[in-house]
Amino acid sequence: MSHTGYGGQVWYSNHNTGVVIVQMATLDTPSASSTPQVNQARVELLGKIDAFLSQ
């Protein structure tokens, strides 16, 4: 199963093994790494991973 987040983040999860692989998007510029949108995307992605692992 594959899930896509904001900015191109992708995470793959396997309910049978509990394995989660996260592929973060490459940012165009170093200053882009601290924008509110990027920070929110990270928080949401971590929330999705946490929810999956809690199942």
PDB file of N, CA and C in Angstrom:
ATOM      1  N   MET A   1       0.847  -1.156   0.000  1.00  0.00           N
ATOM      2  CA  MET A   1       0.000   0.000   0.000  1.00  0.00           C
ATOM      3  C   MET A   1       0.898   1.226   0.000  1.00  0.00           C
ATOM      4  N   SER A   2       0.532   2.233  -0.720  1.00  0.00           N
ATOM      5  CA  SER A   2       1.335   3.449  -0.851  1.00  0.00           C
ATOM      6  C   SER A   2       0.469   4.658  -0.528  1.00  0.00           C
ATOM      7  N   HIS A   3       1.059   5.628   0.166  1.00  0.00           N
ATOM      8  CA  HIS A   3       0.343   6.849   0.531  1.00  0.00           C
ATOM      9  C   HIS A   3       1.185   8.040   0.093  1.00  0.00           C
ATOM     10  N   THR A   4       0.584   9.051  -0.457  1.00  0.00           N
ATOM     11  CA  THR A   4       1.316  10.237  -0.892  1.00  0.00           C
ATOM     12  C   THR A   4       0.926  11.424  -0.033  1.00  0.00           C
ATOM     13  N   GLY A   5       1.922  12.189   0.408  1.00  0.00           N
ATOM     14  CA  GLY A   5       1.671  13.389   1.208  1.00  0.00           C
ATOM     15  C   GLY A   5       1.936  14.632   0.390  1.00  0.00           C
ATOM     16  N   TYR A   6       2.022  15.757   1.056  1.00  0.00           N
ATOM     17  CA  TYR A   6       2.278  17.030   0.391  1.00  0.00           C
ATOM     18  C   TYR A   6       3.725  17.109  -0.081  1.00  0.00           C
ATOM     19  N   GLY A   7       3.959  17.797  -1.171  1.00  0.00           N
ATOM     20  CA  GLY A   7       5.310  18.060  -1.636  1.00  0.00           C
ATOM     21  C   GLY A   7       6.039  16.842  -2.147  1.00  0.00           C
ATOM     22  N   GLY A   8       5.331  15.764  -2.399  1.00  0.00           N
ATOM     23  CA  GLY A   8       5.955  14.585  -2.968  1.00  0.00           C
ATOM     24  C   GLY A   8       6.413  13.542  -1.975  1.00  0.00           C
ATOM     25  N   GLN A   9       6.154  13.736  -0.679  1.00  0.00           N
ATOM     26  CA  GLN A   9       6.519  12.697   0.266  1.00  0.00           C
ATOM     27  C   GLN A   9       5.685  11.456  -0.030  1.00  0.00           C
ATOM     28  N   VAL A  10       6.325  10.322   0.034  1.00  0.00           N
ATOM     29  CA  VAL A  10       5.616   9.067  -0.184  1.00  0.00           C
ATOM     30  C   VAL A  10       6.005   8.115   0.932  1.00  0.00           C
ATOM     31  N   TRP A  11       5.023   7.419   1.463  1.00  0.00           N
ATOM     32  CA  TRP A  11       5.381   6.382   2.422  1.00  0.00           C
ATOM     33  C   TRP A  11       4.675   5.103   2.057  1.00  0.00           C
ATOM     34  N   TYR A  12       5.405   4.015   2.200  1.00  0.00           N
ATOM     35  CA  TYR A  12       4.919   2.694   1.859  1.00  0.00           C
ATOM     36  C   TYR A  12       4.755   1.916   3.158  1.00  0.00           C
ATOM     37  N   SER A  13       3.640   1.244   3.316  1.00  0.00           N
ATOM     38  CA  SER A  13       3.407   0.497   4.539  1.00  0.00           C
ATOM     39  C   SER A  13       2.941  -0.913   4.219  1.00  0.00           C
ATOM     40  N   ASN A  14       3.333  -1.832   5.075  1.00  0.00           N
ATOM     41  CA  ASN A  14       2.930  -3.222   4.938  1.00  0.00           C
ATOM     42  C   ASN A  14       2.323  -3.654   6.264  1.00  0.00           C
ATOM     43  N   HIS A  15       1.006  -3.857   6.293  1.00  0.00           N
ATOM     44  CA  HIS A  15       0.322  -4.221   7.533  1.00  0.00           C
ATOM     45  C   HIS A  15       0.761  -5.591   8.047  1.00  0.00           C
ATOM     46  N   ASN A  16       1.196  -6.475   7.178  1.00  0.00           N
ATOM     47  CA  ASN A  16       1.600  -7.817   7.604  1.00  0.00           C
ATOM     48  C   ASN A  16       2.917  -7.816   8.364  1.00  0.00           C
ATOM     49  N   THR A  17       3.839  -6.968   7.960  1.00  0.00           N
ATOM     50  CA  THR A  17       5.161  -6.950   8.595  1.00  0.00           C
ATOM     51  C   THR A  17       5.370  -5.751   9.504  1.00  0.00           C
ATOM     52  N   GLY A  18       4.522  -4.719   9.377  1.00  0.00           N
ATOM     53  CA  GLY A  18       4.701  -3.509  10.169  1.00  0.00           C
ATOM     54  C   GLY A  18       5.797  -2.607   9.638  1.00  0.00           C
ATOM     55  N   VAL A  19       6.268  -2.881   8.423  1.00  0.00           N
ATOM     56  CA  VAL A  19       7.357  -2.101   7.838  1.00  0.00           C
ATOM     57  C   VAL A  19       6.800  -0.824   7.221  1.00  0.00           C
ATOM     58  N   VAL A  20       7.444   0.290   7.519  1.00  0.00           N
ATOM     59  CA  VAL A  20       7.086   1.576   6.926  1.00  0.00           C
ATOM     60  C   VAL A  20       8.351   2.181   6.343  1.00  0.00           C
ATOM     61  N   ILE A  21       8.312   2.551   5.075  1.00  0.00           N
ATOM     62  CA  ILE A  21       9.443   3.193   4.408  1.00  0.00           C
ATOM     63  C   ILE A  21       8.983   4.578   3.979  1.00  0.00           C
ATOM     64  N   VAL A  22       9.734   5.599   4.358  1.00  0.00           N
ATOM     65  CA  VAL A  22       9.366   6.974   4.030  1.00  0.00           C
ATOM     66  C   VAL A  22      10.363   7.533   3.032  1.00  0.00           C
ATOM     67  N   GLN A  23       9.855   8.109   1.948  1.00  0.00           N
ATOM     68  CA  GLN A  23      10.687   8.785   0.959  1.00  0.00           C
ATOM     69  C   GLN A  23      10.285  10.247   0.978  1.00  0.00           C
ATOM     70  N   MET A  24      11.176  11.096   1.462  1.00  0.00           N
ATOM     71  CA  MET A  24      10.880  12.526   1.523  1.00  0.00           C
ATOM     72  C   MET A  24      11.239  13.172   0.195  1.00  0.00           C
ATOM     73  N   ALA A  25      10.500  14.202  -0.164  1.00  0.00           N
ATOM     74  CA  ALA A  25      10.763  14.928  -1.398  1.00  0.00           C
ATOM     75  C   ALA A  25      12.045  15.740  -1.267  1.00  0.00           C
ATOM     76  N   THR A  26      12.708  15.957  -2.380  1.00  0.00           N
ATOM     77  CA  THR A  26      13.876  16.824  -2.412  1.00  0.00           C
ATOM     78  C   THR A  26      13.398  18.263  -2.525  1.00  0.00           C
ATOM     79  N   LEU A  27      13.936  19.129  -1.693  1.00  0.00           N
ATOM     80  CA  LEU A  27      13.534  20.530  -1.721  1.00  0.00           C
ATOM     81  C   LEU A  27      14.349  21.283  -2.764  1.00  0.00           C
ATOM     82  N   ASP A  28      13.710  22.231  -3.427  1.00  0.00           N
ATOM     83  CA  ASP A  28      14.381  22.986  -4.489  1.00  0.00           C
ATOM     84  C   ASP A  28      15.492  23.875  -3.957  1.00  0.00           C
ATOM     85  N   THR A  29      15.275  24.481  -2.811  1.00  0.00           N
ATOM     86  CA  THR A  29      16.273  25.384  -2.247  1.00  0.00           C
ATOM     87  C   THR A  29      16.404  25.120  -0.753  1.00  0.00           C
ATOM     88  N   PRO A  30      17.568  25.398  -0.173  1.00  0.00           N
ATOM     89  CA  PRO A  30      17.730  25.190   1.268  1.00  0.00           C
ATOM     90  C   PRO A  30      16.728  25.990   2.091  1.00  0.00           C
ATOM     91  N   SER A  31      16.384  27.207   1.655  1.00  0.00           N
ATOM     92  CA  SER A  31      15.455  28.028   2.425  1.00  0.00           C
ATOM     93  C   SER A  31      14.043  27.454   2.419  1.00  0.00           C
ATOM     94  N   ALA A  32      13.742  26.609   1.448  1.00  0.00           N
ATOM     95  CA  ALA A  32      12.408  26.014   1.371  1.00  0.00           C
ATOM     96  C   ALA A  32      12.171  25.003   2.483  1.00  0.00           C
ATOM     97  N   SER A  33      13.238  24.537   3.112  1.00  0.00           N
ATOM     98  CA  SER A  33      13.096  23.486   4.115  1.00  0.00           C
ATOM     99  C   SER A  33      12.423  23.958   5.392  1.00  0.00           C
ATOM    100  N   SER A  34      12.310  25.264   5.597  1.00  0.00           N
ATOM    101  CA  SER A  34      11.724  25.748   6.841  1.00  0.00           C
ATOM    102  C   SER A  34      10.436  26.543   6.628  1.00  0.00           C
ATOM    103  N   THR A  35       9.795  26.397   5.486  1.00  0.00           N
ATOM    104  CA  THR A  35       8.551  27.125   5.253  1.00  0.00           C
ATOM    105  C   THR A  35       7.433  26.511   6.094  1.00  0.00           C
ATOM    106  N   PRO A  36       6.419  27.287   6.432  1.00  0.00           N
ATOM    107  CA  PRO A  36       5.292  26.736   7.197  1.00  0.00           C
ATOM    108  C   PRO A  36       4.619  25.551   6.495  1.00  0.00           C
ATOM    109  N   GLN A  37       4.550  25.593   5.167  1.00  0.00           N
ATOM    110  CA  GLN A  37       3.923  24.498   4.428  1.00  0.00           C
ATOM    111  C   GLN A  37       4.722  23.206   4.571  1.00  0.00           C
ATOM    112  N   VAL A  38       6.040  23.301   4.482  1.00  0.00           N
ATOM    113  CA  VAL A  38       6.889  22.116   4.620  1.00  0.00           C
ATOM    114  C   VAL A  38       6.797  21.580   6.039  1.00  0.00           C
ATOM    115  N   ASN A  39       6.833  22.463   7.020  1.00  0.00           N
ATOM    116  CA  ASN A  39       6.726  22.024   8.407  1.00  0.00           C
ATOM    117  C   ASN A  39       5.393  21.333   8.660  1.00  0.00           C
ATOM    118  N   GLN A  40       4.305  21.879   8.127  1.00  0.00           N
ATOM    119  CA  GLN A  40       2.990  21.262   8.303  1.00  0.00           C
ATOM    120  C   GLN A  40       2.933  19.904   7.621  1.00  0.00           C
ATOM    121  N   ALA A  41       3.526  19.792   6.437  1.00  0.00           N
ATOM    122  CA  ALA A  41       3.548  18.512   5.729  1.00  0.00           C
ATOM    123  C   ALA A  41       4.296  17.467   6.540  1.00  0.00           C
ATOM    124  N   ARG A  42       5.392  17.854   7.168  1.00  0.00           N
ATOM    125  CA  ARG A  42       6.144  16.909   8.004  1.00  0.00           C
ATOM    126  C   ARG A  42       5.308  16.443   9.189  1.00  0.00           C
ATOM    127  N   VAL A  43       4.627  17.375   9.837  1.00  0.00           N
ATOM    128  CA  VAL A  43       3.786  17.027  10.987  1.00  0.00           C
ATOM    129  C   VAL A  43       2.682  16.060  10.562  1.00  0.00           C
ATOM    130  N   GLU A  44       2.043  16.340   9.430  1.00  0.00           N
ATOM    131  CA  GLU A  44       0.968  15.473   8.954  1.00  0.00           C
ATOM    132  C   GLU A  44       1.491  14.092   8.575  1.00  0.00           C
ATOM    133  N   LEU A  45       2.642  14.036   7.941  1.00  0.00           N
ATOM    134  CA  LEU A  45       3.215  12.753   7.557  1.00  0.00           C
ATOM    135  C   LEU A  45       3.563  11.929   8.786  1.00  0.00           C
ATOM    136  N   LEU A  46       4.179  12.553   9.782  1.00  0.00           N
ATOM    137  CA  LEU A  46       4.507  11.832  11.008  1.00  0.00           C
ATOM    138  C   LEU A  46       3.247  11.360  11.720  1.00  0.00           C
ATOM    139  N   GLY A  47       2.184  12.155  11.665  1.00  0.00           N
ATOM    140  CA  GLY A  47       0.915  11.742  12.256  1.00  0.00           C
ATOM    141  C   GLY A  47       0.338  10.516  11.568  1.00  0.00           C
ATOM    142  N   LYS A  48       0.439  10.473  10.242  1.00  0.00           N
ATOM    143  CA  LYS A  48      -0.050   9.314   9.493  1.00  0.00           C
ATOM    144  C   LYS A  48       0.755   8.065   9.832  1.00  0.00           C
ATOM    145  N   ILE A  49       2.063   8.214   9.929  1.00  0.00           N
ATOM    146  CA  ILE A  49       2.909   7.067  10.266  1.00  0.00           C
ATOM    147  C   ILE A  49       2.594   6.584  11.676  1.00  0.00           C
ATOM    148  N   ASP A  50       2.446   7.508  12.621  1.00  0.00           N
ATOM    149  CA  ASP A  50       2.123   7.148  13.995  1.00  0.00           C
ATOM    150  C   ASP A  50       0.782   6.422  14.067  1.00  0.00           C
ATOM    151  N   ALA A  51      -0.217   6.913  13.339  1.00  0.00           N
ATOM    152  CA  ALA A  51      -1.531   6.267  13.328  1.00  0.00           C
ATOM    153  C   ALA A  51      -1.438   4.858  12.758  1.00  0.00           C
ATOM    154  N   PHE A  52      -0.653   4.686  11.712  1.00  0.00           N
ATOM    155  CA  PHE A  52      -0.485   3.364  11.111  1.00  0.00           C
ATOM    156  C   PHE A  52       0.179   2.403  12.086  1.00  0.00           C
ATOM    157  N   LEU A  53       1.241   2.858  12.736  1.00  0.00           N
ATOM    158  CA  LEU A  53       1.971   1.983  13.650  1.00  0.00           C
ATOM    159  C   LEU A  53       1.159   1.664  14.903  1.00  0.00           C
ATOM    160  N   SER A  54       0.171   2.479  15.218  1.00  0.00           N
ATOM    161  CA  SER A  54      -0.664   2.249  16.399  1.00  0.00           C
ATOM    162  C   SER A  54      -1.757   1.216  16.148  1.00  0.00           C
ATOM    163  N   GLN A  55      -1.953   0.822  14.904  1.00  0.00           N
ATOM    164  CA  GLN A  55      -3.020  -0.139  14.567  1.00  0.00           C
ATOM    165  C   GLN A  55      -2.672  -1.525  15.031  1.00  0.00           C
TER     166      GLN A  55
END
